[in-house]
């Protein structure tokens, strides 16, 4: 079998990988961070005493100066990884061309040795592509998580200065920031205790009725 056909040098997938990956990661992380605040948005919206605003987190993360710089760093990282893998691919192509040009002059054993060498290089190339893709994805996630945390902190600062009680993420529909004024934890705990006491009282009354 022709060695060129045996080698499966695929197109550099990491170059194709970048478009949309950063945006997808941003959506994932923003949704994850928003989910940390598990609050009933409908209840907040129905509370007329609260001042509520909303924000498009995709727009904030992509078009802010912090987001643009994160995108630039991501582009630089992608180009660096792409170049590293492309250099390996070009080296393999040179080795293949060199082999093809002289294979008819090689002994059968020498051809087998060269083909084994090229096959090994092909495996190493594929491993390099996979490693670069994984490294790139991890880099994107780290950049996005940092940016998402900055956005949440910025939402808090903005809300406190503008006297906004709740900032809703228009993407996920969940709160990014909720002021202490909107926190009903203590009231909910007291309500639960009351429900529990009522349940115990009802059970005790039912027990007395049964034994009477």
N, C-alpha and C. Protein backbone atom coordinates (compact mmCIF):
# COMPACT_ATOMS: atom_id res chain seq x y z
N UNK A 1 0.85 -1.20 0.00
CA UNK A 1 0.00 0.00 0.00
C UNK A 1 0.88 1.24 0.00
N UNK A 2 0.49 2.24 -0.75
CA UNK A 2 1.26 3.48 -0.81
C UNK A 2 1.30 4.15 0.55
N UNK A 3 2.51 4.58 0.96
CA UNK A 3 2.68 5.14 2.29
C UNK A 3 1.86 6.40 2.49
N UNK A 4 1.66 7.18 1.40
CA UNK A 4 0.89 8.41 1.52
C UNK A 4 -0.57 8.09 1.83
N UNK A 5 -1.06 6.97 1.28
CA UNK A 5 -2.43 6.57 1.57
C UNK A 5 -2.55 6.03 2.98
N UNK A 6 -1.47 5.41 3.47
CA UNK A 6 -1.51 4.86 4.82
C UNK A 6 -1.50 5.96 5.86
N UNK A 7 -0.82 7.04 5.57
CA UNK A 7 -0.75 8.14 6.53
C UNK A 7 -2.02 8.99 6.42
N UNK A 8 -2.67 9.20 7.50
CA UNK A 8 -3.91 9.98 7.50
C UNK A 8 -3.65 11.33 8.14
N UNK A 9 -2.93 12.18 7.40
CA UNK A 9 -2.64 13.53 7.89
C UNK A 9 -3.89 14.38 7.67
N UNK A 10 -4.67 14.56 8.72
CA UNK A 10 -5.92 15.29 8.59
C UNK A 10 -5.68 16.78 8.64
N UNK A 11 -6.67 17.54 8.15
CA UNK A 11 -6.58 19.01 8.21
C UNK A 11 -6.54 19.44 9.66
N UNK A 12 -5.83 20.49 9.92
CA UNK A 12 -5.62 20.93 11.30
C UNK A 12 -6.95 21.40 11.91
N UNK A 13 -7.53 20.55 12.73
CA UNK A 13 -8.86 20.83 13.25
C UNK A 13 -8.87 21.98 14.22
N UNK A 14 -7.75 22.28 14.85
CA UNK A 14 -7.74 23.36 15.83
C UNK A 14 -7.98 24.71 15.17
N UNK A 15 -7.63 24.85 13.89
CA UNK A 15 -7.87 26.10 13.18
C UNK A 15 -9.37 26.28 12.98
N UNK A 16 -10.06 25.18 12.70
CA UNK A 16 -11.50 25.22 12.48
C UNK A 16 -12.23 25.32 13.81
N UNK A 17 -11.57 24.90 14.86
CA UNK A 17 -12.19 24.81 16.17
C UNK A 17 -12.54 26.17 16.76
N UNK A 18 -11.72 27.16 16.49
CA UNK A 18 -11.84 28.43 17.20
C UNK A 18 -13.15 29.17 16.98
N UNK A 19 -13.64 29.36 15.75
CA UNK A 19 -14.85 30.17 15.57
C UNK A 19 -16.01 29.62 16.39
N UNK A 20 -16.55 30.48 17.26
CA UNK A 20 -17.70 30.10 18.06
C UNK A 20 -17.36 29.42 19.36
N UNK A 21 -16.14 28.89 19.51
CA UNK A 21 -15.81 28.16 20.73
C UNK A 21 -15.80 29.09 21.92
N UNK A 22 -15.19 30.27 21.76
CA UNK A 22 -15.10 31.21 22.87
C UNK A 22 -16.50 31.67 23.28
N UNK A 23 -17.33 31.96 22.30
CA UNK A 23 -18.70 32.40 22.59
C UNK A 23 -19.48 31.30 23.30
N UNK A 24 -19.32 30.04 22.83
CA UNK A 24 -20.01 28.92 23.45
C UNK A 24 -19.55 28.74 24.90
N UNK A 25 -18.24 28.87 25.12
CA UNK A 25 -17.72 28.74 26.48
C UNK A 25 -18.24 29.85 27.36
N UNK A 26 -18.33 31.05 26.80
CA UNK A 26 -18.84 32.19 27.57
C UNK A 26 -20.28 31.94 28.01
N UNK A 27 -21.09 31.40 27.10
CA UNK A 27 -22.48 31.11 27.43
C UNK A 27 -22.55 30.05 28.53
N UNK A 28 -21.71 29.02 28.42
CA UNK A 28 -21.72 27.93 29.40
C UNK A 28 -21.35 28.43 30.78
N UNK A 29 -20.26 29.21 30.85
CA UNK A 29 -19.79 29.69 32.15
C UNK A 29 -20.76 30.70 32.74
N UNK A 30 -21.28 31.60 31.90
CA UNK A 30 -22.24 32.59 32.39
C UNK A 30 -23.47 31.91 32.95
N UNK A 31 -23.92 30.86 32.26
CA UNK A 31 -25.09 30.12 32.71
C UNK A 31 -24.79 29.41 34.02
N UNK A 32 -23.57 28.84 34.13
CA UNK A 32 -23.18 28.14 35.33
C UNK A 32 -23.12 29.10 36.51
N UNK A 33 -22.52 30.27 36.32
CA UNK A 33 -22.40 31.25 37.39
C UNK A 33 -23.77 31.77 37.81
N UNK A 34 -24.63 31.99 36.82
CA UNK A 34 -25.97 32.49 37.15
C UNK A 34 -26.76 31.45 37.92
N UNK A 35 -26.54 30.16 37.60
CA UNK A 35 -27.27 29.09 38.24
C UNK A 35 -26.89 28.97 39.71
N UNK A 36 -25.70 29.45 40.09
CA UNK A 36 -25.28 29.39 41.48
C UNK A 36 -26.27 30.13 42.37
N UNK A 37 -26.91 31.18 41.85
CA UNK A 37 -27.90 31.91 42.60
C UNK A 37 -29.26 31.37 42.22
N UNK A 38 -29.69 30.35 42.93
CA UNK A 38 -30.91 29.65 42.58
C UNK A 38 -32.11 30.37 43.20
N UNK A 39 -32.59 31.40 42.51
CA UNK A 39 -33.64 32.26 43.04
C UNK A 39 -34.79 32.28 42.05
N UNK A 40 -36.00 32.31 42.58
CA UNK A 40 -37.19 32.37 41.73
C UNK A 40 -37.30 33.77 41.14
N UNK A 41 -37.00 33.90 39.84
CA UNK A 41 -37.02 35.20 39.19
C UNK A 41 -38.43 35.77 39.16
N UNK A 42 -39.44 34.91 38.97
CA UNK A 42 -40.82 35.40 38.91
C UNK A 42 -41.22 36.06 40.22
N UNK A 43 -40.75 35.49 41.33
CA UNK A 43 -41.06 36.09 42.63
C UNK A 43 -40.41 37.45 42.75
N UNK A 44 -39.18 37.55 42.26
CA UNK A 44 -38.49 38.84 42.33
C UNK A 44 -39.20 39.88 41.47
N UNK A 45 -39.60 39.48 40.27
CA UNK A 45 -40.23 40.41 39.35
C UNK A 45 -41.58 40.90 39.88
N UNK A 46 -42.26 40.05 40.66
CA UNK A 46 -43.57 40.41 41.18
C UNK A 46 -43.47 41.31 42.41
N UNK A 47 -42.27 41.46 42.93
CA UNK A 47 -42.07 42.30 44.11
C UNK A 47 -41.87 43.74 43.67
N UNK A 48 -42.93 44.55 43.80
CA UNK A 48 -42.88 45.92 43.31
C UNK A 48 -41.95 46.81 44.11
N UNK A 49 -41.51 46.35 45.28
CA UNK A 49 -40.63 47.17 46.11
C UNK A 49 -39.18 47.06 45.67
N UNK A 50 -38.89 46.16 44.75
CA UNK A 50 -37.52 45.96 44.30
C UNK A 50 -37.28 46.66 42.96
N UNK A 51 -36.10 47.23 42.82
CA UNK A 51 -35.68 47.82 41.55
C UNK A 51 -34.89 46.77 40.79
N UNK A 52 -35.41 46.38 39.63
CA UNK A 52 -34.82 45.27 38.88
C UNK A 52 -34.36 45.74 37.50
N UNK A 53 -33.15 45.31 37.11
CA UNK A 53 -32.62 45.59 35.78
C UNK A 53 -32.16 44.29 35.15
N UNK A 54 -31.96 44.31 33.85
CA UNK A 54 -31.47 43.11 33.17
C UNK A 54 -30.28 43.47 32.29
N UNK A 55 -29.47 42.47 31.95
CA UNK A 55 -28.28 42.69 31.12
C UNK A 55 -28.06 41.50 30.20
N UNK A 56 -27.62 41.79 28.98
CA UNK A 56 -27.26 40.75 28.01
C UNK A 56 -25.81 40.37 28.28
N UNK A 57 -25.59 39.26 28.98
CA UNK A 57 -24.24 38.88 29.38
C UNK A 57 -23.36 38.51 28.18
N UNK A 58 -23.98 38.01 27.11
CA UNK A 58 -23.18 37.72 25.92
C UNK A 58 -22.56 39.00 25.36
N UNK A 59 -23.37 40.05 25.29
CA UNK A 59 -22.88 41.33 24.79
C UNK A 59 -21.80 41.88 25.71
N UNK A 60 -22.03 41.80 27.01
CA UNK A 60 -21.07 42.32 27.99
C UNK A 60 -19.72 41.61 27.86
N UNK A 61 -19.75 40.28 27.76
CA UNK A 61 -18.52 39.51 27.74
C UNK A 61 -17.78 39.62 26.41
N UNK A 62 -18.50 39.84 25.33
CA UNK A 62 -17.86 39.87 24.02
C UNK A 62 -17.42 41.27 23.61
N UNK A 63 -18.16 42.30 24.02
CA UNK A 63 -17.91 43.64 23.51
C UNK A 63 -17.28 44.59 24.53
N UNK A 64 -17.10 44.17 25.76
CA UNK A 64 -16.41 45.00 26.73
C UNK A 64 -14.92 44.98 26.43
N UNK A 65 -14.18 45.95 26.98
CA UNK A 65 -12.73 45.98 26.76
C UNK A 65 -12.07 44.73 27.35
N UNK A 66 -12.58 44.30 28.50
CA UNK A 66 -12.04 43.08 29.12
C UNK A 66 -12.30 41.87 28.23
N UNK A 67 -13.50 41.82 27.63
CA UNK A 67 -13.84 40.71 26.75
C UNK A 67 -13.02 40.72 25.47
N UNK A 68 -12.80 41.91 24.92
CA UNK A 68 -11.99 42.03 23.70
C UNK A 68 -10.55 41.61 23.95
N UNK A 69 -10.00 41.98 25.11
CA UNK A 69 -8.63 41.57 25.43
C UNK A 69 -8.54 40.06 25.64
N UNK A 70 -9.58 39.49 26.26
CA UNK A 70 -9.60 38.04 26.45
C UNK A 70 -9.65 37.33 25.09
N UNK A 71 -10.41 37.89 24.16
CA UNK A 71 -10.48 37.32 22.81
C UNK A 71 -9.13 37.42 22.11
N UNK A 72 -8.43 38.53 22.29
CA UNK A 72 -7.10 38.69 21.68
C UNK A 72 -6.12 37.66 22.24
N UNK A 73 -6.17 37.45 23.55
CA UNK A 73 -5.28 36.44 24.15
C UNK A 73 -5.63 35.05 23.64
N UNK A 74 -6.92 34.80 23.46
CA UNK A 74 -7.36 33.50 22.95
C UNK A 74 -6.90 33.30 21.51
N UNK A 75 -7.01 34.34 20.69
CA UNK A 75 -6.56 34.27 19.30
C UNK A 75 -5.05 34.00 19.24
N UNK A 76 -4.30 34.67 20.10
CA UNK A 76 -2.85 34.48 20.13
C UNK A 76 -2.50 33.05 20.51
N UNK A 77 -3.21 32.52 21.50
CA UNK A 77 -2.98 31.14 21.93
C UNK A 77 -3.31 30.17 20.82
N UNK A 78 -4.41 30.40 20.12
CA UNK A 78 -4.80 29.52 19.02
C UNK A 78 -3.75 29.52 17.92
N UNK A 79 -3.26 30.72 17.58
CA UNK A 79 -2.25 30.83 16.52
C UNK A 79 -0.95 30.13 16.92
N UNK A 80 -0.59 30.25 18.19
CA UNK A 80 0.62 29.60 18.69
C UNK A 80 0.51 28.08 18.59
N UNK A 81 -0.61 27.54 19.05
CA UNK A 81 -0.82 26.09 19.00
C UNK A 81 -0.93 25.60 17.56
N UNK A 82 -1.62 26.38 16.73
CA UNK A 82 -1.76 26.01 15.32
C UNK A 82 -0.41 25.93 14.63
N UNK A 83 0.44 26.90 14.89
CA UNK A 83 1.77 26.92 14.26
C UNK A 83 2.58 25.72 14.69
N UNK A 84 2.53 25.40 15.97
CA UNK A 84 3.29 24.24 16.48
C UNK A 84 2.88 22.95 15.77
N UNK A 85 1.56 22.77 15.61
CA UNK A 85 1.08 21.55 14.97
C UNK A 85 1.34 21.58 13.47
N UNK A 86 1.21 22.73 12.86
CA UNK A 86 1.48 22.84 11.43
C UNK A 86 2.95 22.57 11.11
N UNK A 87 3.83 22.97 12.00
CA UNK A 87 5.26 22.70 11.82
C UNK A 87 5.52 21.19 11.79
N UNK A 88 4.83 20.48 12.67
CA UNK A 88 4.98 19.01 12.70
C UNK A 88 4.45 18.42 11.41
N UNK A 89 3.28 18.90 10.94
CA UNK A 89 2.69 18.39 9.70
C UNK A 89 3.61 18.63 8.50
N UNK A 90 4.21 19.80 8.45
CA UNK A 90 5.11 20.12 7.34
C UNK A 90 6.35 19.24 7.36
N UNK A 91 6.85 18.94 8.56
CA UNK A 91 8.01 18.07 8.68
C UNK A 91 7.68 16.66 8.17
N UNK A 92 6.48 16.19 8.49
CA UNK A 92 6.07 14.87 8.01
C UNK A 92 5.94 14.87 6.50
N UNK A 93 5.37 15.91 5.94
CA UNK A 93 5.21 16.00 4.49
C UNK A 93 6.57 15.97 3.79
N UNK A 94 7.56 16.65 4.37
CA UNK A 94 8.91 16.61 3.80
C UNK A 94 9.49 15.20 3.84
N UNK A 95 9.25 14.53 4.96
CA UNK A 95 9.76 13.16 5.10
C UNK A 95 9.09 12.23 4.09
N UNK A 96 7.78 12.44 3.88
CA UNK A 96 7.05 11.61 2.91
C UNK A 96 7.57 11.85 1.50
N UNK A 97 7.75 13.11 1.15
CA UNK A 97 8.26 13.46 -0.18
C UNK A 97 9.66 12.90 -0.40
N UNK A 98 10.47 12.97 0.62
CA UNK A 98 11.83 12.43 0.53
C UNK A 98 11.81 10.93 0.33
N UNK A 99 10.91 10.27 1.06
CA UNK A 99 10.79 8.82 0.94
C UNK A 99 10.30 8.44 -0.45
N UNK A 100 9.28 9.14 -0.96
CA UNK A 100 8.71 8.82 -2.26
C UNK A 100 9.74 9.01 -3.38
N UNK A 101 10.63 9.95 -3.19
CA UNK A 101 11.61 10.25 -4.25
C UNK A 101 12.70 9.18 -4.35
N UNK A 102 12.92 8.43 -3.28
CA UNK A 102 14.02 7.47 -3.30
C UNK A 102 13.61 6.05 -2.94
N UNK A 103 12.32 5.79 -2.78
CA UNK A 103 11.90 4.48 -2.31
C UNK A 103 12.25 3.36 -3.30
N UNK A 104 12.25 3.68 -4.59
CA UNK A 104 12.57 2.65 -5.59
C UNK A 104 14.02 2.21 -5.52
N UNK A 105 14.85 3.03 -4.90
CA UNK A 105 16.27 2.69 -4.77
C UNK A 105 16.58 2.01 -3.44
N UNK A 106 15.58 1.90 -2.57
CA UNK A 106 15.78 1.30 -1.25
C UNK A 106 15.51 -0.20 -1.28
N UNK A 107 16.16 -0.89 -0.37
CA UNK A 107 15.89 -2.31 -0.23
C UNK A 107 14.52 -2.48 0.45
N UNK A 108 14.01 -3.69 0.39
CA UNK A 108 12.70 -3.94 1.00
C UNK A 108 12.72 -3.63 2.49
N UNK A 109 13.79 -4.00 3.19
CA UNK A 109 13.89 -3.73 4.62
C UNK A 109 13.98 -2.23 4.90
N UNK A 110 14.73 -1.53 4.05
CA UNK A 110 14.86 -0.07 4.23
C UNK A 110 13.52 0.62 4.02
N UNK A 111 12.73 0.13 3.05
CA UNK A 111 11.40 0.71 2.84
C UNK A 111 10.50 0.47 4.05
N UNK A 112 10.58 -0.73 4.60
CA UNK A 112 9.76 -1.04 5.79
C UNK A 112 10.16 -0.15 6.96
N UNK A 113 11.45 0.06 7.11
CA UNK A 113 11.94 0.91 8.20
C UNK A 113 11.45 2.35 8.04
N UNK A 114 11.52 2.85 6.81
CA UNK A 114 11.08 4.21 6.54
C UNK A 114 9.57 4.37 6.75
N UNK A 115 8.81 3.36 6.30
CA UNK A 115 7.37 3.42 6.47
C UNK A 115 6.98 3.35 7.95
N UNK A 116 7.71 2.54 8.70
CA UNK A 116 7.45 2.47 10.14
C UNK A 116 7.75 3.81 10.82
N UNK A 117 8.82 4.46 10.36
CA UNK A 117 9.18 5.78 10.90
C UNK A 117 8.09 6.80 10.60
N UNK A 118 7.60 6.79 9.34
CA UNK A 118 6.56 7.74 8.95
C UNK A 118 5.24 7.47 9.68
N UNK A 119 4.93 6.21 9.88
CA UNK A 119 3.71 5.85 10.61
C UNK A 119 3.79 6.34 12.05
N UNK A 120 4.97 6.21 12.66
CA UNK A 120 5.17 6.70 14.02
C UNK A 120 5.02 8.22 14.06
N UNK A 121 5.57 8.91 13.07
CA UNK A 121 5.45 10.36 13.01
C UNK A 121 3.99 10.78 12.86
N UNK A 122 3.23 10.00 12.10
CA UNK A 122 1.82 10.30 11.92
C UNK A 122 1.06 10.17 13.23
N UNK A 123 1.37 9.14 14.01
CA UNK A 123 0.72 8.97 15.32
C UNK A 123 1.07 10.14 16.23
N UNK A 124 2.32 10.54 16.21
CA UNK A 124 2.76 11.67 17.04
C UNK A 124 2.05 12.95 16.63
N UNK A 125 1.84 13.10 15.32
CA UNK A 125 1.13 14.28 14.83
C UNK A 125 -0.31 14.31 15.35
N UNK A 126 -0.98 13.17 15.25
CA UNK A 126 -2.36 13.10 15.72
C UNK A 126 -2.44 13.39 17.22
N UNK A 127 -1.48 12.86 17.98
CA UNK A 127 -1.43 13.13 19.41
C UNK A 127 -1.20 14.62 19.68
N UNK A 128 -0.37 15.24 18.84
CA UNK A 128 -0.09 16.67 18.99
C UNK A 128 -1.34 17.50 18.71
N UNK A 129 -2.11 17.10 17.69
CA UNK A 129 -3.35 17.80 17.37
C UNK A 129 -4.33 17.69 18.53
N UNK A 130 -4.49 16.47 19.05
CA UNK A 130 -5.41 16.26 20.17
C UNK A 130 -4.97 17.05 21.40
N UNK A 131 -3.67 17.02 21.68
CA UNK A 131 -3.15 17.75 22.83
C UNK A 131 -3.35 19.25 22.69
N UNK A 132 -3.16 19.76 21.47
CA UNK A 132 -3.34 21.19 21.22
C UNK A 132 -4.80 21.59 21.39
N UNK A 133 -5.70 20.75 20.91
CA UNK A 133 -7.13 21.05 21.05
C UNK A 133 -7.53 21.08 22.52
N UNK A 134 -7.05 20.10 23.28
CA UNK A 134 -7.39 20.05 24.71
C UNK A 134 -6.81 21.25 25.45
N UNK A 135 -5.57 21.60 25.13
CA UNK A 135 -4.93 22.76 25.76
C UNK A 135 -5.68 24.04 25.43
N UNK A 136 -6.12 24.14 24.17
CA UNK A 136 -6.83 25.34 23.74
C UNK A 136 -8.19 25.45 24.45
N UNK A 137 -8.90 24.35 24.54
CA UNK A 137 -10.20 24.36 25.21
C UNK A 137 -10.05 24.76 26.68
N UNK A 138 -9.02 24.21 27.33
CA UNK A 138 -8.78 24.55 28.73
C UNK A 138 -8.44 26.03 28.88
N UNK A 139 -7.65 26.56 27.95
CA UNK A 139 -7.28 27.97 27.98
C UNK A 139 -8.52 28.85 27.83
N UNK A 140 -9.39 28.48 26.90
CA UNK A 140 -10.62 29.25 26.67
C UNK A 140 -11.50 29.24 27.92
N UNK A 141 -11.64 28.08 28.53
CA UNK A 141 -12.48 27.97 29.72
C UNK A 141 -11.92 28.82 30.86
N UNK A 142 -10.60 28.81 31.04
CA UNK A 142 -9.99 29.61 32.10
C UNK A 142 -10.20 31.10 31.85
N UNK A 143 -9.99 31.52 30.61
CA UNK A 143 -10.20 32.93 30.26
C UNK A 143 -11.66 33.33 30.50
N UNK A 144 -12.58 32.45 30.11
CA UNK A 144 -13.99 32.76 30.23
C UNK A 144 -14.43 32.81 31.68
N UNK A 145 -13.92 31.89 32.49
CA UNK A 145 -14.27 31.88 33.91
C UNK A 145 -13.78 33.15 34.61
N UNK A 146 -12.57 33.58 34.27
CA UNK A 146 -12.05 34.81 34.85
C UNK A 146 -12.90 36.00 34.44
N UNK A 147 -13.27 36.05 33.16
CA UNK A 147 -14.08 37.15 32.66
C UNK A 147 -15.47 37.13 33.29
N UNK A 148 -16.02 35.93 33.45
CA UNK A 148 -17.35 35.81 34.05
C UNK A 148 -17.34 36.30 35.50
N UNK A 149 -16.29 35.96 36.23
CA UNK A 149 -16.18 36.42 37.62
C UNK A 149 -16.08 37.95 37.68
N UNK A 150 -15.30 38.53 36.77
CA UNK A 150 -15.19 39.99 36.71
C UNK A 150 -16.55 40.61 36.42
N UNK A 151 -17.32 39.97 35.54
CA UNK A 151 -18.63 40.50 35.19
C UNK A 151 -19.58 40.47 36.39
N UNK A 152 -19.54 39.40 37.15
CA UNK A 152 -20.39 39.29 38.34
C UNK A 152 -20.00 40.36 39.37
N UNK A 153 -18.70 40.55 39.56
CA UNK A 153 -18.23 41.59 40.48
C UNK A 153 -18.65 42.98 39.99
N UNK A 154 -18.55 43.18 38.67
CA UNK A 154 -18.95 44.47 38.08
C UNK A 154 -20.44 44.70 38.24
N UNK A 155 -21.23 43.64 38.13
CA UNK A 155 -22.68 43.75 38.30
C UNK A 155 -23.01 44.19 39.72
N UNK A 156 -22.28 43.67 40.68
CA UNK A 156 -22.48 44.04 42.09
C UNK A 156 -22.16 45.53 42.29
N UNK A 157 -21.01 45.97 41.77
CA UNK A 157 -20.61 47.37 41.91
C UNK A 157 -21.63 48.30 41.25
N UNK A 158 -22.03 47.91 40.03
CA UNK A 158 -23.00 48.72 39.30
C UNK A 158 -24.32 48.83 40.06
N UNK A 159 -24.81 47.69 40.55
CA UNK A 159 -26.11 47.65 41.23
C UNK A 159 -26.08 48.49 42.51
N UNK A 160 -24.98 48.39 43.24
CA UNK A 160 -24.89 49.16 44.48
C UNK A 160 -24.84 50.66 44.21
N UNK A 161 -24.13 51.08 43.18
CA UNK A 161 -24.04 52.51 42.84
C UNK A 161 -25.36 53.04 42.28
N UNK A 162 -26.05 52.21 41.49
CA UNK A 162 -27.30 52.64 40.86
C UNK A 162 -28.52 52.31 41.72
N UNK A 163 -28.25 51.73 42.91
CA UNK A 163 -29.33 51.34 43.83
C UNK A 163 -30.32 50.38 43.17
N UNK A 164 -29.75 49.43 42.43
CA UNK A 164 -30.54 48.37 41.81
C UNK A 164 -30.51 47.16 42.74
N UNK A 165 -31.68 46.58 42.99
CA UNK A 165 -31.76 45.45 43.92
C UNK A 165 -31.44 44.12 43.26
N UNK A 166 -31.82 43.98 42.00
CA UNK A 166 -31.61 42.71 41.29
C UNK A 166 -31.17 42.98 39.86
N UNK A 167 -30.13 42.27 39.41
CA UNK A 167 -29.71 42.33 38.01
C UNK A 167 -29.94 40.95 37.41
N UNK A 168 -30.78 40.89 36.38
CA UNK A 168 -31.14 39.62 35.75
C UNK A 168 -30.30 39.40 34.50
N UNK A 169 -29.80 38.18 34.33
CA UNK A 169 -29.09 37.80 33.11
C UNK A 169 -30.13 37.49 32.03
N UNK A 170 -30.15 38.29 30.97
CA UNK A 170 -31.14 38.09 29.90
C UNK A 170 -30.91 36.79 29.14
N UNK A 171 -29.71 36.23 29.22
CA UNK A 171 -29.39 35.00 28.50
C UNK A 171 -29.99 33.78 29.20
N UNK A 172 -29.73 33.69 30.51
CA UNK A 172 -30.20 32.52 31.27
C UNK A 172 -31.50 32.78 32.00
N UNK A 173 -31.85 34.07 32.18
CA UNK A 173 -33.05 34.40 32.92
C UNK A 173 -32.89 34.32 34.42
N UNK A 174 -31.65 34.18 34.88
CA UNK A 174 -31.37 34.08 36.31
C UNK A 174 -30.66 35.31 36.82
N UNK A 175 -30.72 35.55 38.12
CA UNK A 175 -30.06 36.74 38.68
C UNK A 175 -28.54 36.65 38.62
N UNK A 176 -27.90 37.77 38.30
CA UNK A 176 -26.45 37.89 38.40
C UNK A 176 -26.10 38.47 39.76
N UNK A 177 -26.97 39.38 40.20
CA UNK A 177 -26.75 40.02 41.50
C UNK A 177 -28.10 40.19 42.19
N UNK A 178 -28.09 39.94 43.50
CA UNK A 178 -29.28 40.16 44.32
C UNK A 178 -28.83 40.86 45.60
N UNK A 179 -29.44 41.98 45.91
CA UNK A 179 -29.06 42.75 47.09
C UNK A 179 -29.58 42.08 48.36
N UNK A 180 -28.98 42.40 49.50
CA UNK A 180 -29.48 41.86 50.77
C UNK A 180 -30.95 42.18 51.01
N UNK A 181 -31.40 43.32 50.44
CA UNK A 181 -32.80 43.71 50.60
C UNK A 181 -33.74 42.65 50.03
N UNK A 182 -33.30 41.96 48.98
CA UNK A 182 -34.14 40.96 48.33
C UNK A 182 -33.99 39.58 48.95
N UNK A 183 -33.10 39.47 49.92
CA UNK A 183 -32.82 38.17 50.53
C UNK A 183 -33.92 37.84 51.55
N UNK A 184 -34.65 36.77 51.29
CA UNK A 184 -35.74 36.37 52.18
C UNK A 184 -35.41 35.08 52.93
N UNK A 185 -34.12 34.79 53.08
CA UNK A 185 -33.70 33.55 53.73
C UNK A 185 -34.28 33.42 55.13
N UNK A 186 -34.14 34.47 55.93
CA UNK A 186 -34.63 34.42 57.31
C UNK A 186 -36.14 34.24 57.34
N UNK A 187 -36.84 35.00 56.48
CA UNK A 187 -38.30 34.88 56.45
C UNK A 187 -38.74 33.50 56.00
N UNK A 188 -38.03 32.94 55.02
CA UNK A 188 -38.37 31.60 54.54
C UNK A 188 -38.12 30.56 55.62
N UNK A 189 -37.03 30.73 56.37
CA UNK A 189 -36.71 29.79 57.44
C UNK A 189 -37.80 29.82 58.52
N UNK A 190 -38.25 31.03 58.86
CA UNK A 190 -39.31 31.15 59.86
C UNK A 190 -40.61 30.54 59.34
N UNK A 191 -40.88 30.74 58.04
CA UNK A 191 -42.08 30.17 57.44
C UNK A 191 -42.04 28.65 57.46
N UNK A 192 -40.85 28.09 57.18
CA UNK A 192 -40.70 26.64 57.21
C UNK A 192 -40.88 26.11 58.62
N UNK A 193 -40.31 26.81 59.59
CA UNK A 193 -40.46 26.39 61.00
C UNK A 193 -41.94 26.39 61.40
N UNK A 194 -42.67 27.41 60.93
CA UNK A 194 -44.09 27.49 61.25
C UNK A 194 -44.85 26.32 60.63
N UNK A 195 -44.53 26.02 59.36
CA UNK A 195 -45.17 24.88 58.69
C UNK A 195 -44.88 23.58 59.43
N UNK A 196 -43.63 23.45 59.88
CA UNK A 196 -43.22 22.24 60.60
C UNK A 196 -43.97 22.12 61.91
N UNK A 197 -44.11 23.24 62.62
CA UNK A 197 -44.83 23.23 63.90
C UNK A 197 -46.30 22.89 63.68
N UNK A 198 -46.89 23.42 62.61
CA UNK A 198 -48.29 23.11 62.30
C UNK A 198 -48.47 21.64 61.98
N UNK A 199 -47.49 21.08 61.29
CA UNK A 199 -47.56 19.65 60.94
C UNK A 199 -47.46 18.79 62.19
N UNK A 200 -46.56 19.16 63.10
CA UNK A 200 -46.41 18.41 64.35
C UNK A 200 -47.68 18.51 65.20
N UNK A 201 -48.26 19.72 65.23
CA UNK A 201 -49.47 19.93 66.03
C UNK A 201 -50.63 19.11 65.46
N UNK A 202 -50.72 19.08 64.11
CA UNK A 202 -51.79 18.31 63.48
C UNK A 202 -51.62 16.82 63.74
N UNK A 203 -50.37 16.36 63.70
CA UNK A 203 -50.10 14.94 63.96
C UNK A 203 -50.42 14.58 65.41
N UNK A 204 -50.08 15.48 66.32
CA UNK A 204 -50.34 15.25 67.75
C UNK A 204 -51.84 15.21 68.02
N UNK A 205 -52.59 16.13 67.34
CA UNK A 205 -54.03 16.17 67.51
C UNK A 205 -54.68 14.91 66.97
N UNK A 206 -54.16 14.44 65.83
CA UNK A 206 -54.70 13.22 65.22
C UNK A 206 -54.44 12.01 66.11
N UNK A 207 -53.27 12.02 66.76
CA UNK A 207 -52.91 10.91 67.66
C UNK A 207 -53.84 10.89 68.87
N UNK A 208 -54.18 12.06 69.43
CA UNK A 208 -55.06 12.13 70.58
C UNK A 208 -56.45 11.65 70.20
N UNK A 209 -56.90 12.06 69.00
CA UNK A 209 -58.22 11.66 68.53
C UNK A 209 -58.31 10.14 68.37
N UNK A 210 -57.22 9.55 67.89
CA UNK A 210 -57.20 8.10 67.64
C UNK A 210 -57.22 7.31 68.94
N UNK A 211 -56.64 7.85 70.00
CA UNK A 211 -56.55 7.13 71.27
C UNK A 211 -57.72 7.43 72.20
N UNK A 212 -58.55 8.40 71.79
CA UNK A 212 -59.68 8.78 72.66
C UNK A 212 -60.79 7.72 72.63
